[in-house]
PDB file of N, CA and C in Angstrom:
ATOM      1  N   MET A   1       0.859  -1.177   0.000  1.00  0.00           N
ATOM      2  CA  MET A   1       0.000   0.000   0.000  1.00  0.00           C
ATOM      3  C   MET A   1       0.902   1.235   0.000  1.00  0.00           C
ATOM      4  N   ASN A   2       0.604   2.124  -0.901  1.00  0.00           N
ATOM      5  CA  ASN A   2       1.381   3.342  -1.088  1.00  0.00           C
ATOM      6  C   ASN A   2       1.281   4.260   0.129  1.00  0.00           C
ATOM      7  N   GLU A   3       2.375   4.930   0.437  1.00  0.00           N
ATOM      8  CA  GLU A   3       2.424   5.832   1.598  1.00  0.00           C
ATOM      9  C   GLU A   3       1.392   6.960   1.474  1.00  0.00           C
ATOM     10  N   ASN A   4       1.191   7.470   0.252  1.00  0.00           N
ATOM     11  CA  ASN A   4       0.188   8.519   0.048  1.00  0.00           C
ATOM     12  C   ASN A   4      -1.207   8.031   0.402  1.00  0.00           C
ATOM     13  N   ARG A   5      -1.458   6.782   0.106  1.00  0.00           N
ATOM     14  CA  ARG A   5      -2.767   6.212   0.396  1.00  0.00           C
ATOM     15  C   ARG A   5      -3.011   6.169   1.903  1.00  0.00           C
ATOM     16  N   VAL A   6      -2.015   5.719   2.637  1.00  0.00           N
ATOM     17  CA  VAL A   6      -2.132   5.626   4.094  1.00  0.00           C
ATOM     18  C   VAL A   6      -2.287   7.017   4.711  1.00  0.00           C
ATOM     19  N   GLU A   7      -1.440   7.944   4.291  1.00  0.00           N
ATOM     20  CA  GLU A   7      -1.512   9.313   4.821  1.00  0.00           C
ATOM     21  C   GLU A   7      -2.852   9.964   4.468  1.00  0.00           C
ATOM     22  N   GLY A   8      -3.339   9.709   3.259  1.00  0.00           N
ATOM     23  CA  GLY A   8      -4.621  10.271   2.842  1.00  0.00           C
ATOM     24  C   GLY A   8      -5.773   9.758   3.677  1.00  0.00           C
ATOM     25  N   LEU A   9      -5.765   8.453   3.945  1.00  0.00           N
ATOM     26  CA  LEU A   9      -6.831   7.886   4.776  1.00  0.00           C
ATOM     27  C   LEU A   9      -6.788   8.452   6.186  1.00  0.00           C
ATOM     28  N   ALA A  10      -5.578   8.640   6.704  1.00  0.00           N
ATOM     29  CA  ALA A  10      -5.438   9.227   8.045  1.00  0.00           C
ATOM     30  C   ALA A  10      -5.934  10.667   8.057  1.00  0.00           C
ATOM     31  N   LYS A  11      -5.578  11.417   7.021  1.00  0.00           N
ATOM     32  CA  LYS A  11      -6.006  12.815   6.930  1.00  0.00           C
ATOM     33  C   LYS A  11      -7.523  12.904   6.793  1.00  0.00           C
ATOM     34  N   GLU A  12      -8.089  11.977   6.033  1.00  0.00           N
ATOM     35  CA  GLU A  12      -9.542  11.953   5.859  1.00  0.00           C
ATOM     36  C   GLU A  12     -10.245  11.682   7.193  1.00  0.00           C
ATOM     37  N   ALA A  13      -9.713  10.733   7.965  1.00  0.00           N
ATOM     38  CA  ALA A  13     -10.296  10.422   9.273  1.00  0.00           C
ATOM     39  C   ALA A  13     -10.177  11.613  10.215  1.00  0.00           C
ATOM     40  N   LYS A  14      -9.002  12.240  10.217  1.00  0.00           N
ATOM     41  CA  LYS A  14      -8.785  13.415  11.074  1.00  0.00           C
ATOM     42  C   LYS A  14      -9.757  14.537  10.694  1.00  0.00           C
ATOM     43  N   GLY A  15      -9.960  14.731   9.395  1.00  0.00           N
ATOM     44  CA  GLY A  15     -10.888  15.755   8.933  1.00  0.00           C
ATOM     45  C   GLY A  15     -12.315  15.473   9.362  1.00  0.00           C
ATOM     46  N   SER A  16     -12.704  14.201   9.299  1.00  0.00           N
ATOM     47  CA  SER A  16     -14.055  13.819   9.728  1.00  0.00           C
ATOM     48  C   SER A  16     -14.266  14.119  11.202  1.00  0.00           C
ATOM     49  N   ILE A  17     -13.258  13.811  12.003  1.00  0.00           N
ATOM     50  CA  ILE A  17     -13.346  14.078  13.437  1.00  0.00           C
ATOM     51  C   ILE A  17     -13.427  15.576  13.699  1.00  0.00           C
ATOM     52  N   LYS A  18     -12.581  16.314  13.007  1.00  0.00           N
ATOM     53  CA  LYS A  18     -12.564  17.775  13.179  1.00  0.00           C
ATOM     54  C   LYS A  18     -13.905  18.388  12.764  1.00  0.00           C
ATOM     55  N   GLU A  19     -14.460  17.885  11.670  1.00  0.00           N
ATOM     56  CA  GLU A  19     -15.762  18.368  11.201  1.00  0.00           C
ATOM     57  C   GLU A  19     -16.843  18.078  12.246  1.00  0.00           C
ATOM     58  N   ALA A  20     -16.833  16.880  12.805  1.00  0.00           N
ATOM     59  CA  ALA A  20     -17.827  16.509  13.815  1.00  0.00           C
ATOM     60  C   ALA A  20     -17.702  17.373  15.063  1.00  0.00           C
ATOM     61  N   ILE A  21     -16.471  17.633  15.484  1.00  0.00           N
ATOM     62  CA  ILE A  21     -16.253  18.494  16.651  1.00  0.00           C
ATOM     63  C   ILE A  21     -16.788  19.894  16.376  1.00  0.00           C
ATOM     64  N   GLY A  22     -16.536  20.382  15.170  1.00  0.00           N
ATOM     65  CA  GLY A  22     -17.040  21.702  14.800  1.00  0.00           C
ATOM     66  C   GLY A  22     -18.557  21.765  14.836  1.00  0.00           C
ATOM     67  N   LYS A  23     -19.204  20.692  14.365  1.00  0.00           N
ATOM     68  CA  LYS A  23     -20.666  20.640  14.392  1.00  0.00           C
ATOM     69  C   LYS A  23     -21.189  20.608  15.825  1.00  0.00           C
ATOM     70  N   LEU A  24     -20.545  19.796  16.652  1.00  0.00           N
ATOM     71  CA  LEU A  24     -20.996  19.664  18.045  1.00  0.00           C
ATOM     72  C   LEU A  24     -20.839  20.954  18.834  1.00  0.00           C
ATOM     73  N   THR A  25     -19.758  21.666  18.567  1.00  0.00           N
ATOM     74  CA  THR A  25     -19.496  22.889  19.327  1.00  0.00           C
ATOM     75  C   THR A  25     -20.087  24.135  18.671  1.00  0.00           C
ATOM     76  N   GLY A  26     -20.586  23.977  17.452  1.00  0.00           N
ATOM     77  CA  GLY A  26     -21.131  25.132  16.744  1.00  0.00           C
ATOM     78  C   GLY A  26     -20.050  26.021  16.153  1.00  0.00           C
ATOM     79  N   ASP A  27     -18.834  25.506  16.057  1.00  0.00           N
ATOM     80  CA  ASP A  27     -17.695  26.257  15.521  1.00  0.00           C
ATOM     81  C   ASP A  27     -17.618  26.011  14.016  1.00  0.00           C
ATOM     82  N   THR A  28     -18.153  26.940  13.248  1.00  0.00           N
ATOM     83  CA  THR A  28     -18.210  26.771  11.798  1.00  0.00           C
ATOM     84  C   THR A  28     -16.830  26.763  11.149  1.00  0.00           C
ATOM     85  N   THR A  29     -15.872  27.463  11.747  1.00  0.00           N
ATOM     86  CA  THR A  29     -14.514  27.475  11.202  1.00  0.00           C
ATOM     87  C   THR A  29     -13.883  26.093  11.315  1.00  0.00           C
ATOM     88  N   THR A  30     -13.990  25.475  12.481  1.00  0.00           N
ATOM     89  CA  THR A  30     -13.442  24.134  12.682  1.00  0.00           C
ATOM     90  C   THR A  30     -14.154  23.125  11.788  1.00  0.00           C
ATOM     91  N   GLU A  31     -15.452  23.272  11.659  1.00  0.00           N
ATOM     92  CA  GLU A  31     -16.229  22.385  10.801  1.00  0.00           C
ATOM     93  C   GLU A  31     -15.756  22.494   9.352  1.00  0.00           C
ATOM     94  N   ALA A  32     -15.576  23.726   8.882  1.00  0.00           N
ATOM     95  CA  ALA A  32     -15.128  23.951   7.507  1.00  0.00           C
ATOM     96  C   ALA A  32     -13.712  23.413   7.296  1.00  0.00           C
ATOM     97  N   GLU A  33     -12.839  23.634   8.261  1.00  0.00           N
ATOM     98  CA  GLU A  33     -11.470  23.109   8.158  1.00  0.00           C
ATOM     99  C   GLU A  33     -11.486  21.583   8.079  1.00  0.00           C
ATOM    100  N   GLY A  34     -12.358  20.967   8.841  1.00  0.00           N
ATOM    101  CA  GLY A  34     -12.493  19.514   8.820  1.00  0.00           C
ATOM    102  C   GLY A  34     -12.956  19.015   7.464  1.00  0.00           C
ATOM    103  N   LYS A  35     -13.921  19.719   6.874  1.00  0.00           N
ATOM    104  CA  LYS A  35     -14.404  19.338   5.547  1.00  0.00           C
ATOM    105  C   LYS A  35     -13.293  19.435   4.511  1.00  0.00           C
ATOM    106  N   VAL A  36     -12.527  20.515   4.575  1.00  0.00           N
ATOM    107  CA  VAL A  36     -11.426  20.707   3.624  1.00  0.00           C
ATOM    108  C   VAL A  36     -10.383  19.606   3.810  1.00  0.00           C
ATOM    109  N   GLU A  37     -10.044  19.312   5.049  1.00  0.00           N
ATOM    110  CA  GLU A  37      -9.045  18.282   5.337  1.00  0.00           C
ATOM    111  C   GLU A  37      -9.530  16.906   4.867  1.00  0.00           C
ATOM    112  N   LYS A  38     -10.814  16.661   5.040  1.00  0.00           N
ATOM    113  CA  LYS A  38     -11.393  15.384   4.622  1.00  0.00           C
ATOM    114  C   LYS A  38     -11.301  15.223   3.101  1.00  0.00           C
ATOM    115  N   VAL A  39     -11.629  16.274   2.373  1.00  0.00           N
ATOM    116  CA  VAL A  39     -11.557  16.229   0.910  1.00  0.00           C
ATOM    117  C   VAL A  39     -10.104  16.066   0.452  1.00  0.00           C
ATOM    118  N   ALA A  40      -9.194  16.780   1.087  1.00  0.00           N
ATOM    119  CA  ALA A  40      -7.772  16.658   0.741  1.00  0.00           C
ATOM    120  C   ALA A  40      -7.279  15.234   1.003  1.00  0.00           C
ATOM    121  N   GLY A  41      -7.734  14.644   2.082  1.00  0.00           N
ATOM    122  CA  GLY A  41      -7.360  13.269   2.396  1.00  0.00           C
ATOM    123  C   GLY A  41      -7.879  12.290   1.367  1.00  0.00           C
ATOM    124  N   LYS A  42      -9.128  12.499   0.925  1.00  0.00           N
ATOM    125  CA  LYS A  42      -9.698  11.631  -0.111  1.00  0.00           C
ATOM    126  C   LYS A  42      -8.890  11.731  -1.395  1.00  0.00           C
ATOM    127  N   ALA A  43      -8.503  12.950  -1.750  1.00  0.00           N
ATOM    128  CA  ALA A  43      -7.719  13.151  -2.972  1.00  0.00           C
ATOM    129  C   ALA A  43      -6.354  12.482  -2.859  1.00  0.00           C
ATOM    130  N   GLN A  44      -5.710  12.628  -1.719  1.00  0.00           N
ATOM    131  CA  GLN A  44      -4.395  12.026  -1.514  1.00  0.00           C
ATOM    132  C   GLN A  44      -4.501  10.496  -1.540  1.00  0.00           C
ATOM    133  N   ALA A  45      -5.529   9.958  -0.922  1.00  0.00           N
ATOM    134  CA  ALA A  45      -5.719   8.506  -0.916  1.00  0.00           C
ATOM    135  C   ALA A  45      -5.990   7.996  -2.331  1.00  0.00           C
ATOM    136  N   ALA A  46      -6.761   8.743  -3.097  1.00  0.00           N
ATOM    137  CA  ALA A  46      -7.038   8.351  -4.480  1.00  0.00           C
ATOM    138  C   ALA A  46      -5.764   8.368  -5.316  1.00  0.00           C
ATOM    139  N   ALA A  47      -4.931   9.373  -5.101  1.00  0.00           N
ATOM    140  CA  ALA A  47      -3.657   9.445  -5.819  1.00  0.00           C
ATOM    141  C   ALA A  47      -2.777   8.257  -5.451  1.00  0.00           C
ATOM    142  N   GLY A  48      -2.751   7.903  -4.198  1.00  0.00           N
ATOM    143  CA  GLY A  48      -1.990   6.746  -3.754  1.00  0.00           C
ATOM    144  C   GLY A  48      -2.508   5.456  -4.368  1.00  0.00           C
ATOM    145  N   LYS A  49      -3.821   5.356  -4.474  1.00  0.00           N
ATOM    146  CA  LYS A  49      -4.431   4.170  -5.089  1.00  0.00           C
ATOM    147  C   LYS A  49      -4.039   4.082  -6.562  1.00  0.00           C
ATOM    148  N   ASP A  50      -4.036   5.222  -7.245  1.00  0.00           N
ATOM    149  CA  ASP A  50      -3.634   5.251  -8.650  1.00  0.00           C
ATOM    150  C   ASP A  50      -2.172   4.828  -8.808  1.00  0.00           C
ATOM    151  N   ILE A  51      -1.330   5.271  -7.905  1.00  0.00           N
ATOM    152  CA  ILE A  51       0.087   4.882  -7.943  1.00  0.00           C
ATOM    153  C   ILE A  51       0.212   3.377  -7.724  1.00  0.00           C
ATOM    154  N   ASP A  52      -0.535   2.840  -6.762  1.00  0.00           N
ATOM    155  CA  ASP A  52      -0.515   1.395  -6.521  1.00  0.00           C
ATOM    156  C   ASP A  52      -0.938   0.633  -7.777  1.00  0.00           C
ATOM    157  N   THR A  53      -1.989   1.105  -8.426  1.00  0.00           N
ATOM    158  CA  THR A  53      -2.475   0.453  -9.643  1.00  0.00           C
ATOM    159  C   THR A  53      -1.422   0.501 -10.743  1.00  0.00           C
ATOM    160  N   ALA A  54      -0.801   1.659 -10.914  1.00  0.00           N
ATOM    161  CA  ALA A  54       0.238   1.803 -11.933  1.00  0.00           C
ATOM    162  C   ALA A  54       1.420   0.885 -11.646  1.00  0.00           C
ATOM    163  N   GLU A  55       1.798   0.760 -10.396  1.00  0.00           N
ATOM    164  CA  GLU A  55       2.898  -0.130 -10.031  1.00  0.00           C
ATOM    165  C   GLU A  55       2.540  -1.573 -10.280  1.00  0.00           C
ATOM    166  N   ASP A  56       1.278  -1.965 -10.008  1.00  0.00           N
ATOM    167  CA  ASP A  56       0.837  -3.332 -10.261  1.00  0.00           C
ATOM    168  C   ASP A  56       0.860  -3.644 -11.765  1.00  0.00           C
ATOM    169  N   VAL A  57       0.422  -2.698 -12.574  1.00  0.00           N
ATOM    170  CA  VAL A  57       0.414  -2.888 -14.018  1.00  0.00           C
ATOM    171  C   VAL A  57       1.838  -2.992 -14.536  1.00  0.00           C
ATOM    172  N   GLN A  58       2.719  -2.181 -13.994  1.00  0.00           N
ATOM    173  CA  GLN A  58       4.106  -2.163 -14.420  1.00  0.00           C
ATOM    174  C   GLN A  58       4.799  -3.497 -14.096  1.00  0.00           C
ATOM    175  N   LYS A  59       4.407  -4.136 -13.012  1.00  0.00           N
ATOM    176  CA  LYS A  59       5.017  -5.401 -12.601  1.00  0.00           C
ATOM    177  C   LYS A  59       4.639  -6.545 -13.533  1.00  0.00           C
ATOM    178  N   LYS A  60       3.509  -6.414 -14.215  1.00  0.00           N
ATOM    179  CA  LYS A  60       3.016  -7.501 -15.083  1.00  0.00           C
ATOM    180  C   LYS A  60       3.721  -7.542 -16.382  1.00  0.00           C
TER     181      LYS A  60
END
């Protein structure tokens, strides 16, 4: 599993938690930051997945 994929999944989880905390506390800034972090994590994980796929194809 590509390092970008792992880091992206972690960032996505952290963003989800941050977003939830923002919702619970009514802090729209924290909520928005969490949403942004979650999307960035999804993008990073997707890039890592693409790299993994490319490496698998290259090995064949």
